[in-house]
Amino acid sequence: MPTRDEAWKLLCEYTQSDSLRKHALAVEACVRAYAKKDGADLELWGNTALLHDFDYERWPNDAHSPTAEHPFQGSQILRELGYPEEMIHAILGHADYCNVPRVTPLDKTLFACDELSGFLTACALVKPTKSIHDVEAASVRKKLKDKAFARGVSRDDVFKGADELGVPLEEHIAFCIAAMRAAATELGLNGIAAPQNSPAAS
């Protein structure tokens, strides 16, 4: 297993967009938190999340081809670099159009955290403080019903992800909010709402 630093360098080599890099970090925060909770391999799960979209900027795959562009192209690169098949399977499985079944806990966790973390970022950025510390699960549930808000996020994937994970949606949302709060500075979502001595900042 390549190190986390090597995975980060690979992400940055292929991804110049700051928002895409931060998305990768947000998914990593959520997936690593689940790995810690479930006693899973932190490096495997974390690196999988960090690299799940690393090829997206170069090969966005608007046609949703299962055998070209994202994430197929990335899977080929990862295989050549010696990344484990369990990781590659999960990355292929996070895109429904690849028709790769999600069978392992890692497969299901990556899928469940991907779209939701993007939605939580959007929820934070519309706050006056631009802080994840001001985002609460109940308000996220309400915003999910507003189809005009963050319209690029698939609500079906958010609901399906929690269902496949076997976790009630509001519980899943709250868990991911907590994980992203812990990484708020790195995600650029610390805002001005959480003084260093507050519980939210710890």
N, C-alpha and C. Protein backbone atom coordinates (compact mmCIF):
# COMPACT_ATOMS: atom_id res chain seq x y z
N MET A 1 0.84 -1.20 0.00
CA MET A 1 0.00 0.00 0.00
C MET A 1 0.88 1.25 0.00
N PRO A 2 0.78 2.06 -1.05
CA PRO A 2 1.50 3.35 -1.02
C PRO A 2 1.03 4.18 0.18
N THR A 3 1.86 5.10 0.60
CA THR A 3 1.55 5.91 1.78
C THR A 3 0.51 6.97 1.45
N ARG A 4 0.00 7.58 2.51
CA ARG A 4 -0.96 8.67 2.34
C ARG A 4 -0.31 9.83 1.60
N ASP A 5 0.95 10.13 1.91
CA ASP A 5 1.66 11.21 1.21
C ASP A 5 1.76 10.93 -0.28
N GLU A 6 2.03 9.67 -0.63
CA GLU A 6 2.12 9.30 -2.05
C GLU A 6 0.75 9.44 -2.73
N ALA A 7 -0.31 9.07 -2.01
CA ALA A 7 -1.66 9.20 -2.56
C ALA A 7 -2.00 10.68 -2.78
N TRP A 8 -1.62 11.52 -1.83
CA TRP A 8 -1.88 12.96 -1.96
C TRP A 8 -1.11 13.55 -3.14
N LYS A 9 0.13 13.13 -3.32
CA LYS A 9 0.92 13.62 -4.46
C LYS A 9 0.30 13.20 -5.78
N LEU A 10 -0.22 11.98 -5.83
CA LEU A 10 -0.87 11.49 -7.05
C LEU A 10 -2.13 12.31 -7.33
N LEU A 11 -2.91 12.58 -6.30
CA LEU A 11 -4.10 13.41 -6.46
C LEU A 11 -3.73 14.78 -7.01
N CYS A 12 -2.73 15.40 -6.42
CA CYS A 12 -2.34 16.76 -6.84
C CYS A 12 -1.73 16.77 -8.24
N GLU A 13 -1.10 15.67 -8.64
CA GLU A 13 -0.53 15.58 -9.99
C GLU A 13 -1.63 15.64 -11.06
N TYR A 14 -2.75 15.01 -10.77
CA TYR A 14 -3.82 14.92 -11.76
C TYR A 14 -4.93 15.95 -11.54
N THR A 15 -4.98 16.55 -10.37
CA THR A 15 -6.08 17.46 -10.02
C THR A 15 -5.54 18.81 -9.60
N GLN A 16 -5.81 19.83 -10.42
CA GLN A 16 -5.36 21.19 -10.11
C GLN A 16 -6.41 21.98 -9.34
N SER A 17 -7.68 21.64 -9.52
CA SER A 17 -8.78 22.38 -8.91
C SER A 17 -8.76 22.27 -7.38
N ASP A 18 -8.75 23.42 -6.73
CA ASP A 18 -8.76 23.44 -5.27
C ASP A 18 -10.05 22.83 -4.73
N SER A 19 -11.18 23.08 -5.38
CA SER A 19 -12.45 22.55 -4.89
C SER A 19 -12.50 21.03 -5.02
N LEU A 20 -11.92 20.48 -6.09
CA LEU A 20 -11.88 19.03 -6.25
C LEU A 20 -10.94 18.39 -5.22
N ARG A 21 -9.83 19.05 -4.95
CA ARG A 21 -8.93 18.53 -3.91
C ARG A 21 -9.62 18.55 -2.55
N LYS A 22 -10.34 19.61 -2.27
CA LYS A 22 -11.04 19.71 -0.98
C LYS A 22 -12.17 18.68 -0.90
N HIS A 23 -12.81 18.40 -2.05
CA HIS A 23 -13.83 17.34 -2.05
C HIS A 23 -13.19 16.01 -1.67
N ALA A 24 -12.02 15.72 -2.24
CA ALA A 24 -11.32 14.48 -1.92
C ALA A 24 -11.00 14.42 -0.43
N LEU A 25 -10.58 15.54 0.14
CA LEU A 25 -10.25 15.59 1.57
C LEU A 25 -11.50 15.41 2.43
N ALA A 26 -12.63 15.94 1.97
CA ALA A 26 -13.88 15.81 2.73
C ALA A 26 -14.34 14.35 2.74
N VAL A 27 -14.28 13.71 1.58
CA VAL A 27 -14.67 12.30 1.51
C VAL A 27 -13.71 11.46 2.35
N GLU A 28 -12.42 11.80 2.29
CA GLU A 28 -11.44 11.09 3.10
C GLU A 28 -11.76 11.22 4.59
N ALA A 29 -12.11 12.41 5.03
CA ALA A 29 -12.42 12.63 6.45
C ALA A 29 -13.58 11.74 6.88
N CYS A 30 -14.62 11.67 6.06
CA CYS A 30 -15.81 10.88 6.41
C CYS A 30 -15.50 9.38 6.38
N VAL A 31 -14.81 8.93 5.34
CA VAL A 31 -14.51 7.51 5.20
C VAL A 31 -13.53 7.05 6.30
N ARG A 32 -12.52 7.87 6.59
CA ARG A 32 -11.58 7.52 7.67
C ARG A 32 -12.31 7.43 9.02
N ALA A 33 -13.27 8.32 9.24
CA ALA A 33 -14.02 8.27 10.50
C ALA A 33 -14.79 6.96 10.62
N TYR A 34 -15.37 6.53 9.51
CA TYR A 34 -16.07 5.24 9.53
C TYR A 34 -15.09 4.09 9.72
N ALA A 35 -13.92 4.18 9.10
CA ALA A 35 -12.90 3.13 9.27
C ALA A 35 -12.50 3.01 10.74
N LYS A 36 -12.31 4.15 11.37
CA LYS A 36 -11.93 4.16 12.79
C LYS A 36 -13.05 3.56 13.64
N LYS A 37 -14.29 3.94 13.33
CA LYS A 37 -15.45 3.44 14.07
C LYS A 37 -15.59 1.93 13.91
N ASP A 38 -15.34 1.44 12.70
CA ASP A 38 -15.56 0.03 12.39
C ASP A 38 -14.32 -0.85 12.57
N GLY A 39 -13.20 -0.24 12.97
CA GLY A 39 -11.98 -1.01 13.15
C GLY A 39 -11.38 -1.50 11.84
N ALA A 40 -11.59 -0.75 10.77
CA ALA A 40 -11.08 -1.12 9.45
C ALA A 40 -9.69 -0.51 9.23
N ASP A 41 -9.11 -0.83 8.08
CA ASP A 41 -7.77 -0.37 7.72
C ASP A 41 -7.82 1.13 7.36
N LEU A 42 -7.29 1.97 8.24
CA LEU A 42 -7.38 3.42 8.05
C LEU A 42 -6.69 3.88 6.77
N GLU A 43 -5.52 3.33 6.48
CA GLU A 43 -4.79 3.77 5.30
C GLU A 43 -5.48 3.33 4.02
N LEU A 44 -5.94 2.09 3.98
CA LEU A 44 -6.65 1.60 2.80
C LEU A 44 -7.90 2.43 2.55
N TRP A 45 -8.71 2.62 3.57
CA TRP A 45 -9.96 3.36 3.42
C TRP A 45 -9.69 4.84 3.11
N GLY A 46 -8.72 5.42 3.81
CA GLY A 46 -8.42 6.83 3.61
C GLY A 46 -7.88 7.11 2.22
N ASN A 47 -6.94 6.28 1.77
CA ASN A 47 -6.37 6.48 0.44
C ASN A 47 -7.40 6.24 -0.67
N THR A 48 -8.30 5.29 -0.46
CA THR A 48 -9.37 5.04 -1.43
C THR A 48 -10.23 6.29 -1.59
N ALA A 49 -10.60 6.87 -0.47
CA ALA A 49 -11.41 8.08 -0.52
C ALA A 49 -10.65 9.25 -1.15
N LEU A 50 -9.39 9.38 -0.78
CA LEU A 50 -8.58 10.49 -1.30
C LEU A 50 -8.45 10.42 -2.82
N LEU A 51 -8.40 9.21 -3.36
CA LEU A 51 -8.13 9.05 -4.79
C LEU A 51 -9.36 8.67 -5.62
N HIS A 52 -10.54 8.68 -5.02
CA HIS A 52 -11.70 8.18 -5.76
C HIS A 52 -12.02 9.00 -7.01
N ASP A 53 -11.67 10.27 -7.00
CA ASP A 53 -11.94 11.16 -8.14
C ASP A 53 -10.67 11.75 -8.74
N PHE A 54 -9.51 11.15 -8.46
CA PHE A 54 -8.26 11.82 -8.85
C PHE A 54 -8.14 12.01 -10.37
N ASP A 55 -8.84 11.16 -11.14
CA ASP A 55 -8.77 11.25 -12.61
C ASP A 55 -9.91 12.08 -13.21
N TYR A 56 -10.80 12.58 -12.36
CA TYR A 56 -12.01 13.23 -12.86
C TYR A 56 -11.74 14.50 -13.67
N GLU A 57 -10.79 15.29 -13.21
CA GLU A 57 -10.52 16.57 -13.89
C GLU A 57 -10.02 16.33 -15.32
N ARG A 58 -9.18 15.33 -15.52
CA ARG A 58 -8.65 15.04 -16.86
C ARG A 58 -9.64 14.27 -17.73
N TRP A 59 -10.39 13.38 -17.10
CA TRP A 59 -11.31 12.52 -17.86
C TRP A 59 -12.69 12.53 -17.20
N PRO A 60 -13.46 13.62 -17.37
CA PRO A 60 -14.71 13.77 -16.62
C PRO A 60 -15.82 12.77 -16.97
N ASN A 61 -15.76 12.17 -18.15
CA ASN A 61 -16.70 11.11 -18.53
C ASN A 61 -18.15 11.57 -18.56
N ASP A 62 -18.43 12.61 -19.32
CA ASP A 62 -19.81 13.10 -19.45
C ASP A 62 -20.72 12.05 -20.08
N ALA A 63 -20.13 11.15 -20.86
CA ALA A 63 -20.93 10.10 -21.52
C ALA A 63 -21.22 8.92 -20.61
N HIS A 64 -20.62 8.91 -19.42
CA HIS A 64 -20.80 7.82 -18.45
C HIS A 64 -20.43 6.46 -19.05
N SER A 65 -19.31 6.42 -19.74
CA SER A 65 -18.81 5.15 -20.28
C SER A 65 -18.22 4.30 -19.16
N PRO A 66 -18.56 3.01 -19.10
CA PRO A 66 -18.00 2.16 -18.05
C PRO A 66 -16.57 1.71 -18.34
N THR A 67 -16.10 1.91 -19.58
CA THR A 67 -14.77 1.40 -19.95
C THR A 67 -13.86 2.49 -20.52
N ALA A 68 -14.12 3.73 -20.17
CA ALA A 68 -13.26 4.83 -20.59
C ALA A 68 -13.43 5.99 -19.61
N GLU A 69 -12.41 6.84 -19.53
CA GLU A 69 -12.45 8.03 -18.69
C GLU A 69 -12.69 7.68 -17.22
N HIS A 70 -13.22 8.64 -16.44
CA HIS A 70 -13.39 8.46 -14.99
C HIS A 70 -14.52 7.49 -14.68
N PRO A 71 -14.33 6.55 -13.73
CA PRO A 71 -13.12 6.26 -12.97
C PRO A 71 -12.27 5.13 -13.59
N PHE A 72 -12.69 4.67 -14.78
CA PHE A 72 -11.97 3.55 -15.41
C PHE A 72 -10.51 3.90 -15.67
N GLN A 73 -10.28 5.10 -16.21
CA GLN A 73 -8.91 5.51 -16.51
C GLN A 73 -8.06 5.53 -15.24
N GLY A 74 -8.63 6.08 -14.18
CA GLY A 74 -7.92 6.12 -12.91
C GLY A 74 -7.62 4.74 -12.37
N SER A 75 -8.57 3.81 -12.55
CA SER A 75 -8.35 2.45 -12.05
C SER A 75 -7.16 1.80 -12.74
N GLN A 76 -6.98 2.09 -14.02
CA GLN A 76 -5.85 1.54 -14.76
C GLN A 76 -4.53 2.09 -14.21
N ILE A 77 -4.52 3.40 -13.94
CA ILE A 77 -3.31 4.03 -13.39
C ILE A 77 -2.99 3.46 -12.01
N LEU A 78 -4.00 3.33 -11.18
CA LEU A 78 -3.79 2.80 -9.82
C LEU A 78 -3.27 1.37 -9.87
N ARG A 79 -3.80 0.57 -10.79
CA ARG A 79 -3.36 -0.81 -10.92
C ARG A 79 -1.88 -0.86 -11.31
N GLU A 80 -1.51 -0.01 -12.27
CA GLU A 80 -0.10 0.04 -12.71
C GLU A 80 0.83 0.47 -11.58
N LEU A 81 0.32 1.31 -10.66
CA LEU A 81 1.14 1.80 -9.55
C LEU A 81 1.15 0.83 -8.36
N GLY A 82 0.42 -0.26 -8.48
CA GLY A 82 0.45 -1.27 -7.42
C GLY A 82 -0.52 -1.08 -6.29
N TYR A 83 -1.55 -0.23 -6.49
CA TYR A 83 -2.57 -0.07 -5.45
C TYR A 83 -3.42 -1.34 -5.37
N PRO A 84 -3.94 -1.69 -4.20
CA PRO A 84 -4.66 -2.95 -4.03
C PRO A 84 -5.99 -3.01 -4.78
N GLU A 85 -6.35 -4.21 -5.19
CA GLU A 85 -7.59 -4.41 -5.96
C GLU A 85 -8.83 -4.02 -5.16
N GLU A 86 -8.78 -4.22 -3.84
CA GLU A 86 -9.94 -3.85 -3.01
C GLU A 86 -10.25 -2.36 -3.14
N MET A 87 -9.20 -1.58 -3.20
CA MET A 87 -9.33 -0.13 -3.36
C MET A 87 -9.87 0.22 -4.75
N ILE A 88 -9.31 -0.41 -5.77
CA ILE A 88 -9.73 -0.14 -7.14
C ILE A 88 -11.19 -0.54 -7.35
N HIS A 89 -11.60 -1.66 -6.77
CA HIS A 89 -12.98 -2.13 -6.87
C HIS A 89 -13.94 -1.10 -6.25
N ALA A 90 -13.57 -0.57 -5.09
CA ALA A 90 -14.43 0.42 -4.43
C ALA A 90 -14.54 1.69 -5.27
N ILE A 91 -13.44 2.11 -5.88
CA ILE A 91 -13.45 3.33 -6.70
C ILE A 91 -14.32 3.13 -7.94
N LEU A 92 -14.21 1.97 -8.58
CA LEU A 92 -15.08 1.68 -9.73
C LEU A 92 -16.54 1.60 -9.29
N GLY A 93 -16.77 1.04 -8.11
CA GLY A 93 -18.13 0.86 -7.61
C GLY A 93 -18.83 2.15 -7.22
N HIS A 94 -18.07 3.23 -6.99
CA HIS A 94 -18.74 4.47 -6.57
C HIS A 94 -19.45 5.16 -7.72
N ALA A 95 -19.18 4.71 -8.96
CA ALA A 95 -19.88 5.23 -10.14
C ALA A 95 -20.83 4.14 -10.63
N ASP A 96 -22.12 4.36 -10.45
CA ASP A 96 -23.10 3.32 -10.81
C ASP A 96 -22.96 2.86 -12.25
N TYR A 97 -22.60 3.78 -13.15
CA TYR A 97 -22.55 3.43 -14.57
C TYR A 97 -21.43 2.44 -14.90
N CYS A 98 -20.51 2.20 -13.96
CA CYS A 98 -19.46 1.20 -14.20
C CYS A 98 -19.98 -0.22 -13.99
N ASN A 99 -21.18 -0.32 -13.38
CA ASN A 99 -21.81 -1.64 -13.16
C ASN A 99 -20.93 -2.59 -12.34
N VAL A 100 -20.21 -2.01 -11.39
CA VAL A 100 -19.40 -2.80 -10.46
C VAL A 100 -20.14 -2.85 -9.13
N PRO A 101 -20.57 -4.03 -8.70
CA PRO A 101 -21.38 -4.12 -7.48
C PRO A 101 -20.61 -3.67 -6.23
N ARG A 102 -21.31 -3.00 -5.35
CA ARG A 102 -20.72 -2.60 -4.07
C ARG A 102 -20.98 -3.72 -3.06
N VAL A 103 -19.94 -4.44 -2.69
CA VAL A 103 -20.12 -5.60 -1.83
C VAL A 103 -19.42 -5.48 -0.47
N THR A 104 -18.26 -4.82 -0.44
CA THR A 104 -17.51 -4.73 0.82
C THR A 104 -17.94 -3.50 1.61
N PRO A 105 -17.64 -3.48 2.90
CA PRO A 105 -17.92 -2.27 3.69
C PRO A 105 -17.24 -1.03 3.10
N LEU A 106 -16.04 -1.18 2.56
CA LEU A 106 -15.36 -0.04 1.94
C LEU A 106 -16.11 0.45 0.72
N ASP A 107 -16.56 -0.47 -0.13
CA ASP A 107 -17.35 -0.09 -1.31
C ASP A 107 -18.54 0.78 -0.90
N LYS A 108 -19.26 0.29 0.10
CA LYS A 108 -20.51 0.95 0.51
C LYS A 108 -20.24 2.27 1.22
N THR A 109 -19.16 2.32 2.00
CA THR A 109 -18.85 3.54 2.74
C THR A 109 -18.40 4.66 1.79
N LEU A 110 -17.56 4.32 0.82
CA LEU A 110 -17.13 5.33 -0.14
C LEU A 110 -18.31 5.92 -0.88
N PHE A 111 -19.20 5.08 -1.36
CA PHE A 111 -20.38 5.55 -2.09
C PHE A 111 -21.26 6.43 -1.20
N ALA A 112 -21.44 5.99 0.05
CA ALA A 112 -22.33 6.72 0.96
C ALA A 112 -21.78 8.09 1.34
N CYS A 113 -20.46 8.23 1.36
CA CYS A 113 -19.85 9.49 1.80
C CYS A 113 -19.58 10.46 0.66
N ASP A 114 -19.54 9.98 -0.56
CA ASP A 114 -19.13 10.81 -1.70
C ASP A 114 -20.08 11.99 -1.94
N GLU A 115 -21.30 11.71 -2.35
CA GLU A 115 -22.24 12.78 -2.67
C GLU A 115 -22.61 13.58 -1.41
N LEU A 116 -22.75 12.87 -0.29
CA LEU A 116 -23.16 13.57 0.94
C LEU A 116 -22.12 14.60 1.37
N SER A 117 -20.84 14.27 1.28
CA SER A 117 -19.81 15.23 1.70
C SER A 117 -19.84 16.47 0.82
N GLY A 118 -20.13 16.28 -0.47
CA GLY A 118 -20.27 17.44 -1.36
C GLY A 118 -21.45 18.30 -0.96
N PHE A 119 -22.54 17.64 -0.58
CA PHE A 119 -23.73 18.38 -0.16
C PHE A 119 -23.48 19.13 1.14
N LEU A 120 -22.78 18.50 2.06
CA LEU A 120 -22.47 19.16 3.35
C LEU A 120 -21.56 20.37 3.14
N THR A 121 -20.63 20.26 2.19
CA THR A 121 -19.78 21.41 1.86
C THR A 121 -20.63 22.56 1.35
N ALA A 122 -21.58 22.25 0.46
CA ALA A 122 -22.47 23.29 -0.07
C ALA A 122 -23.30 23.92 1.05
N CYS A 123 -23.78 23.10 1.98
CA CYS A 123 -24.55 23.62 3.11
C CYS A 123 -23.72 24.56 3.96
N ALA A 124 -22.45 24.24 4.14
CA ALA A 124 -21.57 25.10 4.94
C ALA A 124 -21.29 26.41 4.22
N LEU A 125 -21.06 26.34 2.92
CA LEU A 125 -20.65 27.54 2.17
C LEU A 125 -21.77 28.57 2.01
N VAL A 126 -23.03 28.16 2.20
CA VAL A 126 -24.12 29.16 2.13
C VAL A 126 -24.39 29.80 3.49
N LYS A 127 -23.75 29.29 4.53
CA LYS A 127 -23.87 29.93 5.84
C LYS A 127 -23.11 31.25 5.82
N PRO A 128 -23.58 32.28 6.55
CA PRO A 128 -22.84 33.55 6.61
C PRO A 128 -21.39 33.36 7.06
N THR A 129 -21.18 32.36 7.91
CA THR A 129 -19.84 32.10 8.43
C THR A 129 -19.01 31.19 7.53
N LYS A 130 -19.67 30.55 6.55
CA LYS A 130 -19.03 29.53 5.69
C LYS A 130 -18.35 28.45 6.54
N SER A 131 -19.06 28.03 7.58
CA SER A 131 -18.48 27.09 8.54
C SER A 131 -19.30 25.81 8.65
N ILE A 132 -18.61 24.67 8.61
CA ILE A 132 -19.26 23.38 8.82
C ILE A 132 -19.76 23.26 10.26
N HIS A 133 -19.21 24.07 11.16
CA HIS A 133 -19.64 24.04 12.56
C HIS A 133 -21.07 24.55 12.72
N ASP A 134 -21.57 25.26 11.73
CA ASP A 134 -22.94 25.79 11.79
C ASP A 134 -23.94 24.91 11.05
N VAL A 135 -23.49 23.79 10.53
CA VAL A 135 -24.37 22.88 9.79
C VAL A 135 -24.89 21.80 10.72
N GLU A 136 -26.20 21.61 10.75
CA GLU A 136 -26.83 20.60 11.60
C GLU A 136 -27.61 19.61 10.74
N ALA A 137 -27.70 18.37 11.23
CA ALA A 137 -28.32 17.30 10.44
C ALA A 137 -29.76 17.61 10.04
N ALA A 138 -30.54 18.18 10.95
CA ALA A 138 -31.94 18.44 10.64
C ALA A 138 -32.09 19.44 9.49
N SER A 139 -31.23 20.46 9.47
CA SER A 139 -31.32 21.46 8.39
C SER A 139 -30.84 20.86 7.06
N VAL A 140 -29.90 19.91 7.14
CA VAL A 140 -29.43 19.24 5.92
C VAL A 140 -30.57 18.42 5.32
N ARG A 141 -31.34 17.73 6.16
CA ARG A 141 -32.49 16.96 5.67
C ARG A 141 -33.46 17.86 4.93
N LYS A 142 -33.69 19.06 5.46
CA LYS A 142 -34.60 19.99 4.79
C LYS A 142 -34.05 20.45 3.46
N LYS A 143 -32.75 20.74 3.43
CA LYS A 143 -32.14 21.22 2.19
C LYS A 143 -32.12 20.14 1.10
N LEU A 144 -32.08 18.88 1.51
CA LEU A 144 -32.12 17.79 0.54
C LEU A 144 -33.43 17.81 -0.26
N LYS A 145 -34.48 18.34 0.35
CA LYS A 145 -35.78 18.41 -0.33
C LYS A 145 -35.85 19.57 -1.32
N ASP A 146 -34.93 20.52 -1.20
CA ASP A 146 -34.91 21.69 -2.07
C ASP A 146 -34.10 21.36 -3.33
N LYS A 147 -34.80 21.03 -4.41
CA LYS A 147 -34.12 20.56 -5.62
C LYS A 147 -33.28 21.64 -6.29
N ALA A 148 -33.56 22.89 -5.97
CA ALA A 148 -32.79 23.99 -6.58
C ALA A 148 -31.44 24.19 -5.89
N PHE A 149 -31.31 23.66 -4.67
CA PHE A 149 -30.07 23.85 -3.92
C PHE A 149 -29.08 22.73 -4.26
N ALA A 150 -27.84 23.12 -4.58
CA ALA A 150 -26.78 22.14 -4.90
C ALA A 150 -27.32 21.08 -5.85
N ARG A 151 -27.87 21.55 -6.97
CA ARG A 151 -28.58 20.65 -7.88
C ARG A 151 -27.66 19.59 -8.50
N GLY A 152 -26.35 19.82 -8.44
CA GLY A 152 -25.41 18.83 -8.98
C GLY A 152 -25.26 17.59 -8.11
N VAL A 153 -25.78 17.65 -6.89
CA VAL A 153 -25.68 16.50 -5.98
C VAL A 153 -26.88 15.58 -6.19
N SER A 154 -26.60 14.31 -6.43
CA SER A 154 -27.67 13.32 -6.63
C SER A 154 -28.30 12.96 -5.29
N ARG A 155 -29.56 13.38 -5.13
CA ARG A 155 -30.29 13.01 -3.90
C ARG A 155 -30.47 11.50 -3.84
N ASP A 156 -30.73 10.87 -4.98
CA ASP A 156 -30.91 9.42 -5.00
C ASP A 156 -29.67 8.71 -4.44
N ASP A 157 -28.48 9.21 -4.83
CA ASP A 157 -27.25 8.59 -4.34
C ASP A 157 -27.07 8.80 -2.84
N VAL A 158 -27.48 9.97 -2.35
CA VAL A 158 -27.38 10.24 -0.91
C VAL A 158 -28.27 9.25 -0.14
N PHE A 159 -29.52 9.11 -0.60
CA PHE A 159 -30.45 8.21 0.10
C PHE A 159 -30.01 6.75 -0.05
N LYS A 160 -29.62 6.37 -1.27
CA LYS A 160 -29.21 5.00 -1.52
C LYS A 160 -27.95 4.66 -0.73
N GLY A 161 -27.03 5.63 -0.62
CA GLY A 161 -25.79 5.39 0.10
C GLY A 161 -26.04 5.04 1.56
N ALA A 162 -26.88 5.81 2.23
CA ALA A 162 -27.19 5.52 3.63
C ALA A 162 -27.89 4.18 3.77
N ASP A 163 -28.80 3.90 2.82
CA ASP A 163 -29.54 2.64 2.85
C ASP A 163 -28.59 1.44 2.69
N GLU A 164 -27.67 1.52 1.73
CA GLU A 164 -26.71 0.42 1.51
C GLU A 164 -25.78 0.26 2.71
N LEU A 165 -25.48 1.36 3.36
CA LEU A 165 -24.61 1.32 4.54
C LEU A 165 -25.34 0.74 5.75
N GLY A 166 -26.68 0.79 5.70
CA GLY A 166 -27.47 0.28 6.80
C GLY A 166 -27.53 1.22 7.99
N VAL A 167 -27.40 2.53 7.68
CA VAL A 167 -27.42 3.55 8.73
C VAL A 167 -28.57 4.52 8.42
N PRO A 168 -29.39 4.87 9.43
CA PRO A 168 -30.44 5.86 9.19
C PRO A 168 -29.84 7.15 8.62
N LEU A 169 -30.53 7.76 7.67
CA LEU A 169 -29.96 8.90 6.96
C LEU A 169 -29.52 10.02 7.90
N GLU A 170 -30.37 10.39 8.85
CA GLU A 170 -29.99 11.51 9.73
C GLU A 170 -28.76 11.17 10.57
N GLU A 171 -28.64 9.92 10.97
CA GLU A 171 -27.47 9.48 11.73
C GLU A 171 -26.21 9.55 10.86
N HIS A 172 -26.35 9.13 9.61
CA HIS A 172 -25.23 9.19 8.66
C HIS A 172 -24.81 10.64 8.41
N ILE A 173 -25.79 11.52 8.24
CA ILE A 173 -25.50 12.94 8.03
C ILE A 173 -24.74 13.51 9.23
N ALA A 174 -25.24 13.22 10.44
CA ALA A 174 -24.61 13.75 11.65
C ALA A 174 -23.19 13.22 11.80
N PHE A 175 -22.98 11.95 11.47
CA PHE A 175 -21.65 11.34 11.57
C PHE A 175 -20.68 12.03 10.63
N CYS A 176 -21.12 12.29 9.40
CA CYS A 176 -20.25 12.94 8.41
C CYS A 176 -20.00 14.40 8.76
N ILE A 177 -21.00 15.08 9.31
CA ILE A 177 -20.77 16.46 9.77
C ILE A 177 -19.68 16.48 10.83
N ALA A 178 -19.75 15.55 11.79
CA ALA A 178 -18.74 15.49 12.85
C ALA A 178 -17.35 15.22 12.27
N ALA A 179 -17.28 14.32 11.30
CA ALA A 179 -15.99 14.01 10.67
C ALA A 179 -15.42 15.21 9.94
N MET A 180 -16.28 15.95 9.25
CA MET A 180 -15.83 17.12 8.52
C MET A 180 -15.49 18.27 9.46
N ARG A 181 -16.17 18.36 10.58
CA ARG A 181 -15.81 19.38 11.57
C ARG A 181 -14.40 19.14 12.10
N ALA A 182 -14.05 17.88 12.29
CA ALA A 182 -12.72 17.55 12.79
C ALA A 182 -11.63 17.93 11.79
N ALA A 183 -12.00 18.01 10.51
CA ALA A 183 -11.04 18.37 9.45
C ALA A 183 -11.34 19.75 8.87
N ALA A 184 -12.08 20.56 9.61
CA ALA A 184 -12.60 21.82 9.07
C ALA A 184 -11.53 22.76 8.53
N THR A 185 -10.42 22.87 9.23
CA THR A 185 -9.36 23.78 8.79
C THR A 185 -8.81 23.34 7.44
N GLU A 186 -8.52 22.05 7.31
CA GLU A 186 -7.99 21.51 6.06
C GLU A 186 -8.99 21.67 4.91
N LEU A 187 -10.27 21.60 5.23
CA LEU A 187 -11.32 21.70 4.22
C LEU A 187 -11.68 23.15 3.88
N GLY A 188 -11.11 24.10 4.63
CA GLY A 188 -11.45 25.50 4.42
C GLY A 188 -12.85 25.83 4.90
N LEU A 189 -13.35 25.06 5.87
CA LEU A 189 -14.73 25.24 6.34
C LEU A 189 -14.80 25.57 7.82
N ASN A 190 -13.69 26.07 8.38
CA ASN A 190 -13.70 26.42 9.79
C ASN A 190 -14.42 27.75 10.04
N GLY A 191 -14.49 28.58 9.00
CA GLY A 191 -15.21 29.85 9.10
C GLY A 191 -14.70 30.69 10.26
N ILE A 192 -15.65 31.41 10.86
CA ILE A 192 -15.31 32.23 12.03
C ILE A 192 -16.21 31.86 13.20
N ALA A 193 -16.91 30.70 13.07
CA ALA A 193 -17.95 30.36 14.04
C ALA A 193 -17.44 29.55 15.22
N ALA A 194 -16.23 29.01 15.12
CA ALA A 194 -15.79 28.09 16.16
C ALA A 194 -14.51 28.57 16.83
N PRO A 195 -14.63 29.35 17.90
CA PRO A 195 -13.44 29.76 18.64
C PRO A 195 -12.64 28.53 19.08
N GLN A 196 -11.35 28.69 19.23
CA GLN A 196 -10.49 27.54 19.50
C GLN A 196 -10.82 26.85 20.82
N ASN A 197 -11.47 27.56 21.73
CA ASN A 197 -11.77 26.92 23.03
C ASN A 197 -13.19 26.36 23.08
N SER A 198 -13.90 26.34 21.94
CA SER A 198 -15.27 25.83 21.95
C SER A 198 -15.27 24.34 21.69
N PRO A 199 -16.32 23.61 22.14
CA PRO A 199 -16.40 22.18 21.90
C PRO A 199 -16.34 21.84 20.42
N ALA A 200 -16.94 22.69 19.57
CA ALA A 200 -16.99 22.42 18.13
C ALA A 200 -15.61 22.45 17.50
N ALA A 201 -14.70 23.15 18.14
CA ALA A 201 -13.36 23.30 17.54
C ALA A 201 -12.43 22.18 17.96
N SER A 202 -12.86 21.37 18.92
CA SER A 202 -11.98 20.33 19.44
C SER A 202 -12.12 19.04 18.65
